[in-house]
Protein backbone atom coordinates (compact mmCIF):
# COMPACT_ATOMS: atom_id res chain seq x y z
CA UNK A 1 -75.68 -233.08 -118.07
CA UNK A 2 -77.56 -229.90 -118.88
CA UNK A 3 -80.06 -228.33 -116.53
CA UNK A 4 -82.54 -225.57 -117.32
CA UNK A 5 -84.71 -223.55 -114.98
CA UNK A 6 -87.74 -221.49 -115.90
CA UNK A 7 -89.13 -218.65 -113.82
CA UNK A 8 -92.49 -216.93 -113.72
CA UNK A 9 -92.65 -213.24 -114.67
CA UNK A 10 -91.63 -211.21 -111.62
CA UNK A 11 -89.91 -214.16 -109.92
CA UNK A 12 -86.37 -213.58 -108.63
CA UNK A 13 -83.62 -216.06 -109.44
CA UNK A 14 -80.04 -215.20 -108.52
CA UNK A 15 -77.55 -217.93 -109.28
CA UNK A 16 -74.69 -218.54 -106.86
CA UNK A 17 -72.10 -220.70 -108.65
CA UNK A 18 -71.65 -222.74 -105.46
CA UNK A 19 -72.12 -222.46 -101.73
CA UNK A 20 -68.33 -222.36 -101.33
CA UNK A 21 -65.94 -220.12 -103.22
CA UNK A 22 -62.18 -220.38 -103.20
CA UNK A 23 -60.22 -217.33 -104.26
CA UNK A 24 -56.94 -217.75 -106.09
CA UNK A 25 -53.87 -217.95 -103.87
CA UNK A 26 -52.25 -214.62 -103.10
CA UNK A 27 -48.66 -214.15 -101.87
CA UNK A 28 -48.24 -212.87 -98.33
CA UNK A 29 -47.32 -209.23 -97.83
CA UNK A 30 -48.30 -207.72 -101.17
CA UNK A 31 -48.63 -203.95 -100.89
CA UNK A 32 -51.30 -204.00 -103.62
CA UNK A 33 -53.02 -207.40 -103.75
CA UNK A 34 -54.89 -208.27 -106.96
CA UNK A 35 -58.61 -207.65 -107.22
CA UNK A 36 -60.43 -210.99 -107.19
CA UNK A 37 -64.04 -211.40 -108.30
CA UNK A 38 -67.11 -213.42 -107.44
CA UNK A 39 -69.91 -213.59 -110.02
CA UNK A 40 -73.63 -213.45 -109.29
CA UNK A 41 -76.03 -214.12 -112.18
CA UNK A 42 -79.62 -212.82 -112.29
CA UNK A 43 -81.63 -215.48 -114.11
CA UNK A 44 -84.92 -213.79 -113.35
CA UNK A 45 -87.01 -211.33 -115.34
CA UNK A 46 -86.64 -208.43 -112.90
CA UNK A 47 -83.69 -206.38 -111.63
CA UNK A 48 -82.50 -207.50 -108.20
CA UNK A 49 -80.41 -205.73 -105.59
CA UNK A 50 -77.71 -207.41 -103.54
CA UNK A 51 -76.05 -206.45 -100.27
CA UNK A 52 -72.98 -208.13 -98.79
CA UNK A 53 -73.02 -208.43 -94.99
CA UNK A 54 -69.54 -207.27 -93.95
CA UNK A 55 -69.87 -208.08 -90.24
CA UNK A 56 -68.04 -211.43 -90.67
CA UNK A 57 -65.22 -209.60 -92.48
CA UNK A 58 -64.83 -207.29 -89.48
CA UNK A 59 -64.73 -210.31 -87.16
CA UNK A 60 -61.99 -211.87 -89.32
CA UNK A 61 -60.09 -208.59 -89.20
CA UNK A 62 -60.38 -208.37 -85.41
CA UNK A 63 -59.10 -211.94 -85.06
CA UNK A 64 -56.06 -211.09 -87.23
CA UNK A 65 -54.40 -208.13 -85.49
CA UNK A 66 -56.87 -205.66 -87.06
CA UNK A 67 -55.56 -206.41 -90.55
CA UNK A 68 -58.09 -206.52 -93.41
CA UNK A 69 -57.63 -210.13 -94.57
CA UNK A 70 -60.67 -210.10 -96.92
CA UNK A 71 -62.35 -206.92 -98.14
CA UNK A 72 -65.38 -206.46 -100.37
CA UNK A 73 -65.02 -203.42 -102.66
CA UNK A 74 -68.70 -203.25 -103.73
CA UNK A 75 -70.99 -204.26 -100.88
CA UNK A 76 -74.19 -203.25 -102.68
CA UNK A 77 -75.39 -203.23 -106.24
CA UNK A 78 -78.07 -204.14 -108.73
CA UNK A 79 -78.12 -206.92 -111.30
CA UNK A 80 -80.22 -206.51 -114.42
CA UNK A 81 -82.23 -209.48 -115.76
CA UNK A 82 -80.08 -212.06 -117.58
CA UNK A 83 -76.92 -210.21 -116.50
CA UNK A 84 -74.09 -210.86 -114.06
CA UNK A 85 -72.44 -208.77 -111.41
CA UNK A 86 -68.71 -209.17 -110.81
CA UNK A 87 -68.24 -208.40 -107.13
CA UNK A 88 -64.65 -207.26 -106.48
CA UNK A 89 -62.71 -208.48 -103.44
CA UNK A 90 -59.24 -208.08 -101.97
CA UNK A 91 -57.51 -210.96 -100.22
CA UNK A 92 -54.51 -209.82 -98.15
CA UNK A 93 -53.22 -212.84 -96.18
CA UNK A 94 -50.97 -212.34 -93.17
CA UNK A 95 -49.65 -215.89 -93.04
CA UNK A 96 -49.58 -219.07 -95.11
CA UNK A 97 -52.85 -220.71 -94.13
CA UNK A 98 -56.41 -221.13 -95.34
CA UNK A 99 -58.75 -218.38 -94.18
CA UNK A 100 -62.45 -219.25 -94.01
CA UNK A 101 -65.34 -216.85 -93.53
CA UNK A 102 -69.08 -217.17 -94.21
CA UNK A 103 -70.43 -214.10 -96.02
CA UNK A 104 -74.21 -213.59 -96.08
CA UNK A 105 -75.58 -212.07 -99.29
CA UNK A 106 -79.02 -210.48 -99.11
CA UNK A 107 -81.04 -210.41 -102.35
CA UNK A 108 -84.07 -208.13 -102.71
CA UNK A 109 -86.31 -206.76 -105.45
CA UNK A 110 -84.70 -204.04 -107.52
CA UNK A 111 -85.93 -200.60 -108.39
CA UNK A 112 -86.54 -201.51 -112.02
CA UNK A 113 -84.28 -201.67 -114.99
């Protein structure tokens, strides 16, 4: 099935691929874990800004012996119309388990583009 969405001029439309994202598995104890990405797509006609709320990441860190389990490497940015932003992340697991954290993403009007 195909699905299309139209937007009015000036309307914001940022596409989140899903409400849940699962990063690739990463071996425990890597000194330099791979950079993983999450894509946001701006389907609107105006530039939008995004900001990642890192408070939940700090809570996850505190609960795991002050180790940075998940880190966002670009907490703010802008996405031009009809373009994507690849948000880089590091996943540094301490033990073999599934880590879960809810990360709020704030979307606002951009400064132009």
